[in-house]
Amino acid sequence: FPRELDIVQKAQMWINLITKETGKPSETPEEFYVDGIRYSQRNKIDEAYDCFTKAVELDPEYLDARYNVACIKCRRGEYDQAVDDLRNLAELDERFVQTATQDDDFEAVWENENFIELAMSYLDLEEVE
């Protein structure tokens, strides 16, 4: 089970990063991402947004950080921007649409026409009348 062991080791690394307070300033996209997770868990969404945004600035291909920027926008009530960000992400990796349909951060837009259209285009859902 080498693949499973690799997954477990990576998960443990992330758990250690998230739960460890180093006291040193963040420098890498991963460190800013972890800081964003910490702030988000404490409901400090402005600080979380700043960290996720910095992670994306340092690595525009950091899709998980980009997803979390969209989550924060949705939590702030910036629904159109959040759905637009999610649409852009879906063009790179459609799994984010599936994730958003189950993520409480996006609950406010689950009935939004643009969100429904996006979900239907990627998830092959039938329209419910």
C-alpha atoms as a PDB file:
ATOM      1  CA  PHE A   1       0.000   0.000   0.000  1.00  0.00           C
ATOM      2  CA  PRO A   2       2.701   2.558  -0.872  1.00  0.00           C
ATOM      3  CA  ARG A   3       0.193   5.055  -2.302  1.00  0.00           C
ATOM      4  CA  GLU A   4      -1.957   4.928   0.837  1.00  0.00           C
ATOM      5  CA  LEU A   5       1.098   5.403   3.046  1.00  0.00           C
ATOM      6  CA  ASP A   6       2.108   8.426   0.987  1.00  0.00           C
ATOM      7  CA  ILE A   7      -1.374   9.915   1.423  1.00  0.00           C
ATOM      8  CA  VAL A   8      -1.267   9.320   5.177  1.00  0.00           C
ATOM      9  CA  GLN A   9       2.196  10.905   5.437  1.00  0.00           C
ATOM     10  CA  LYS A  10       1.086  13.985   3.486  1.00  0.00           C
ATOM     11  CA  ALA A  11      -2.048  14.291   5.616  1.00  0.00           C
ATOM     12  CA  GLN A  12       0.042  14.087   8.780  1.00  0.00           C
ATOM     13  CA  MET A  13       2.384  16.776   7.432  1.00  0.00           C
ATOM     14  CA  TRP A  14      -0.582  19.108   6.833  1.00  0.00           C
ATOM     15  CA  ILE A  15      -2.041  18.373  10.264  1.00  0.00           C
ATOM     16  CA  ASN A  16       1.322  19.220  11.823  1.00  0.00           C
ATOM     17  CA  LEU A  17       1.572  22.449   9.822  1.00  0.00           C
ATOM     18  CA  ILE A  18      -1.959  23.540  10.658  1.00  0.00           C
ATOM     19  CA  THR A  19      -1.717  22.835  14.368  1.00  0.00           C
ATOM     20  CA  LYS A  20       1.800  24.177  14.871  1.00  0.00           C
ATOM     21  CA  GLU A  21       2.329  27.856  15.578  1.00  0.00           C
ATOM     22  CA  THR A  22       5.871  28.663  14.486  1.00  0.00           C
ATOM     23  CA  GLY A  23       6.015  32.335  15.398  1.00  0.00           C
ATOM     24  CA  LYS A  24       8.026  33.125  12.287  1.00  0.00           C
ATOM     25  CA  PRO A  25       6.527  35.110   9.425  1.00  0.00           C
ATOM     26  CA  SER A  26       5.170  33.155   6.500  1.00  0.00           C
ATOM     27  CA  GLU A  27       7.205  33.164   3.317  1.00  0.00           C
ATOM     28  CA  THR A  28       5.953  30.389   1.049  1.00  0.00           C
ATOM     29  CA  PRO A  29       2.549  29.893  -0.576  1.00  0.00           C
ATOM     30  CA  GLU A  30       2.032  26.810   1.588  1.00  0.00           C
ATOM     31  CA  GLU A  31       2.754  28.733   4.778  1.00  0.00           C
ATOM     32  CA  PHE A  32       0.325  31.497   3.812  1.00  0.00           C
ATOM     33  CA  TYR A  33      -2.257  28.844   2.924  1.00  0.00           C
ATOM     34  CA  VAL A  34      -1.886  27.180   6.327  1.00  0.00           C
ATOM     35  CA  ASP A  35      -2.164  30.578   8.031  1.00  0.00           C
ATOM     36  CA  GLY A  36      -5.343  31.166   6.037  1.00  0.00           C
ATOM     37  CA  ILE A  37      -6.775  27.863   7.266  1.00  0.00           C
ATOM     38  CA  ARG A  38      -5.920  28.798  10.856  1.00  0.00           C
ATOM     39  CA  TYR A  39      -7.589  32.190  10.559  1.00  0.00           C
ATOM     40  CA  SER A  40     -10.598  30.710   8.806  1.00  0.00           C
ATOM     41  CA  GLN A  41     -11.058  28.154  11.593  1.00  0.00           C
ATOM     42  CA  ARG A  42     -11.082  31.054  14.052  1.00  0.00           C
ATOM     43  CA  ASN A  43     -13.636  32.899  11.884  1.00  0.00           C
ATOM     44  CA  LYS A  44     -11.138  35.687  11.164  1.00  0.00           C
ATOM     45  CA  ILE A  45     -12.163  35.872   7.537  1.00  0.00           C
ATOM     46  CA  ASP A  46     -10.377  39.101   6.619  1.00  0.00           C
ATOM     47  CA  GLU A  47      -7.053  37.729   7.838  1.00  0.00           C
ATOM     48  CA  ALA A  48      -7.783  34.391   6.143  1.00  0.00           C
ATOM     49  CA  TYR A  49      -8.581  36.195   2.891  1.00  0.00           C
ATOM     50  CA  ASP A  50      -5.299  38.110   3.049  1.00  0.00           C
ATOM     51  CA  CYS A  51      -3.322  34.893   3.588  1.00  0.00           C
ATOM     52  CA  PHE A  52      -5.048  32.958   0.800  1.00  0.00           C
ATOM     53  CA  THR A  53      -4.641  35.927  -1.535  1.00  0.00           C
ATOM     54  CA  LYS A  54      -0.932  36.138  -0.720  1.00  0.00           C
ATOM     55  CA  ALA A  55      -0.551  32.405  -1.406  1.00  0.00           C
ATOM     56  CA  VAL A  56      -2.174  32.931  -4.835  1.00  0.00           C
ATOM     57  CA  GLU A  57       0.034  35.954  -5.556  1.00  0.00           C
ATOM     58  CA  LEU A  58       3.106  33.820  -4.863  1.00  0.00           C
ATOM     59  CA  ASP A  59       1.757  30.834  -6.804  1.00  0.00           C
ATOM     60  CA  PRO A  60      -1.141  31.566  -9.192  1.00  0.00           C
ATOM     61  CA  GLU A  61      -1.433  27.816  -9.850  1.00  0.00           C
ATOM     62  CA  TYR A  62      -2.199  27.104  -6.175  1.00  0.00           C
ATOM     63  CA  LEU A  63      -5.772  26.025  -6.869  1.00  0.00           C
ATOM     64  CA  ASP A  64      -6.705  25.166  -3.286  1.00  0.00           C
ATOM     65  CA  ALA A  65      -5.744  28.679  -2.215  1.00  0.00           C
ATOM     66  CA  ARG A  66      -7.792  30.121  -5.080  1.00  0.00           C
ATOM     67  CA  TYR A  67     -10.761  28.002  -3.987  1.00  0.00           C
ATOM     68  CA  ASN A  68     -10.456  29.355  -0.461  1.00  0.00           C
ATOM     69  CA  VAL A  69     -10.382  32.930  -1.777  1.00  0.00           C
ATOM     70  CA  ALA A  70     -13.729  32.153  -3.430  1.00  0.00           C
ATOM     71  CA  CYS A  71     -15.025  30.653  -0.168  1.00  0.00           C
ATOM     72  CA  ILE A  72     -14.128  33.798   1.745  1.00  0.00           C
ATOM     73  CA  LYS A  73     -15.756  35.994  -0.902  1.00  0.00           C
ATOM     74  CA  CYS A  74     -18.936  33.989  -0.498  1.00  0.00           C
ATOM     75  CA  ARG A  75     -18.779  34.282   3.287  1.00  0.00           C
ATOM     76  CA  ARG A  76     -18.374  38.060   2.872  1.00  0.00           C
ATOM     77  CA  GLY A  77     -21.471  38.224   0.685  1.00  0.00           C
ATOM     78  CA  GLU A  78     -19.532  38.806  -2.542  1.00  0.00           C
ATOM     79  CA  TYR A  79     -21.612  36.150  -4.277  1.00  0.00           C
ATOM     80  CA  ASP A  80     -21.099  37.092  -7.930  1.00  0.00           C
ATOM     81  CA  GLN A  81     -17.328  37.307  -7.481  1.00  0.00           C
ATOM     82  CA  ALA A  82     -17.269  33.966  -5.630  1.00  0.00           C
ATOM     83  CA  VAL A  83     -19.191  32.212  -8.406  1.00  0.00           C
ATOM     84  CA  ASP A  84     -16.973  33.834 -11.050  1.00  0.00           C
ATOM     85  CA  ASP A  85     -13.875  32.635  -9.193  1.00  0.00           C
ATOM     86  CA  LEU A  86     -15.365  29.163  -8.949  1.00  0.00           C
ATOM     87  CA  ARG A  87     -16.152  29.187 -12.679  1.00  0.00           C
ATOM     88  CA  ASN A  88     -12.520  30.097 -13.457  1.00  0.00           C
ATOM     89  CA  LEU A  89     -11.312  27.319 -11.160  1.00  0.00           C
ATOM     90  CA  ALA A  90     -13.645  24.799 -12.756  1.00  0.00           C
ATOM     91  CA  GLU A  91     -11.998  25.421 -16.105  1.00  0.00           C
ATOM     92  CA  LEU A  92      -8.761  24.158 -14.526  1.00  0.00           C
ATOM     93  CA  ASP A  93     -10.171  21.455 -12.259  1.00  0.00           C
ATOM     94  CA  GLU A  94     -13.864  20.641 -12.177  1.00  0.00           C
ATOM     95  CA  ARG A  95     -13.653  18.913  -8.784  1.00  0.00           C
ATOM     96  CA  PHE A  96     -14.008  22.331  -7.170  1.00  0.00           C
ATOM     97  CA  VAL A  97     -17.596  22.598  -8.420  1.00  0.00           C
ATOM     98  CA  GLN A  98     -18.504  19.314  -6.730  1.00  0.00           C
ATOM     99  CA  THR A  99     -16.766  20.477  -3.565  1.00  0.00           C
ATOM    100  CA  ALA A 100     -18.647  23.797  -3.584  1.00  0.00           C
ATOM    101  CA  THR A 101     -22.012  22.010  -3.840  1.00  0.00           C
ATOM    102  CA  GLN A 102     -21.250  20.438  -0.454  1.00  0.00           C
ATOM    103  CA  ASP A 103     -19.226  23.227   1.187  1.00  0.00           C
ATOM    104  CA  ASP A 104     -21.130  25.292   3.760  1.00  0.00           C
ATOM    105  CA  ASP A 105     -19.116  28.346   2.716  1.00  0.00           C
ATOM    106  CA  PHE A 106     -21.053  28.278  -0.570  1.00  0.00           C
ATOM    107  CA  GLU A 107     -24.480  27.534   0.939  1.00  0.00           C
ATOM    108  CA  ALA A 108     -25.610  31.132   0.387  1.00  0.00           C
ATOM    109  CA  VAL A 109     -25.309  30.650  -3.396  1.00  0.00           C
ATOM    110  CA  TRP A 110     -26.645  27.123  -3.746  1.00  0.00           C
ATOM    111  CA  GLU A 111     -29.911  28.580  -5.091  1.00  0.00           C
ATOM    112  CA  ASN A 112     -28.198  31.343  -7.083  1.00  0.00           C
ATOM    113  CA  GLU A 113     -29.007  31.070 -10.793  1.00  0.00           C
ATOM    114  CA  ASN A 114     -25.362  31.436 -11.865  1.00  0.00           C
ATOM    115  CA  PHE A 115     -24.205  28.837  -9.353  1.00  0.00           C
ATOM    116  CA  ILE A 116     -26.899  26.381 -10.432  1.00  0.00           C
ATOM    117  CA  GLU A 117     -25.968  26.893 -14.080  1.00  0.00           C
ATOM    118  CA  LEU A 118     -22.303  26.294 -13.262  1.00  0.00           C
ATOM    119  CA  ALA A 119     -23.058  23.172 -11.223  1.00  0.00           C
ATOM    120  CA  MET A 120     -25.325  21.765 -13.916  1.00  0.00           C
ATOM    121  CA  SER A 121     -22.714  22.313 -16.613  1.00  0.00           C
ATOM    122  CA  TYR A 122     -20.048  20.395 -14.698  1.00  0.00           C
ATOM    123  CA  LEU A 123     -22.013  17.853 -12.724  1.00  0.00           C
ATOM    124  CA  ASP A 124     -24.461  16.669 -15.381  1.00  0.00           C
ATOM    125  CA  LEU A 125     -27.423  17.404 -13.125  1.00  0.00           C
ATOM    126  CA  GLU A 126     -30.985  17.508 -14.309  1.00  0.00           C
ATOM    127  CA  GLU A 127     -32.816  20.731 -13.668  1.00  0.00           C
ATOM    128  CA  VAL A 128     -35.369  20.430 -10.887  1.00  0.00           C
ATOM    129  CA  GLU A 129     -38.629  22.245 -11.475  1.00  0.00           C
END
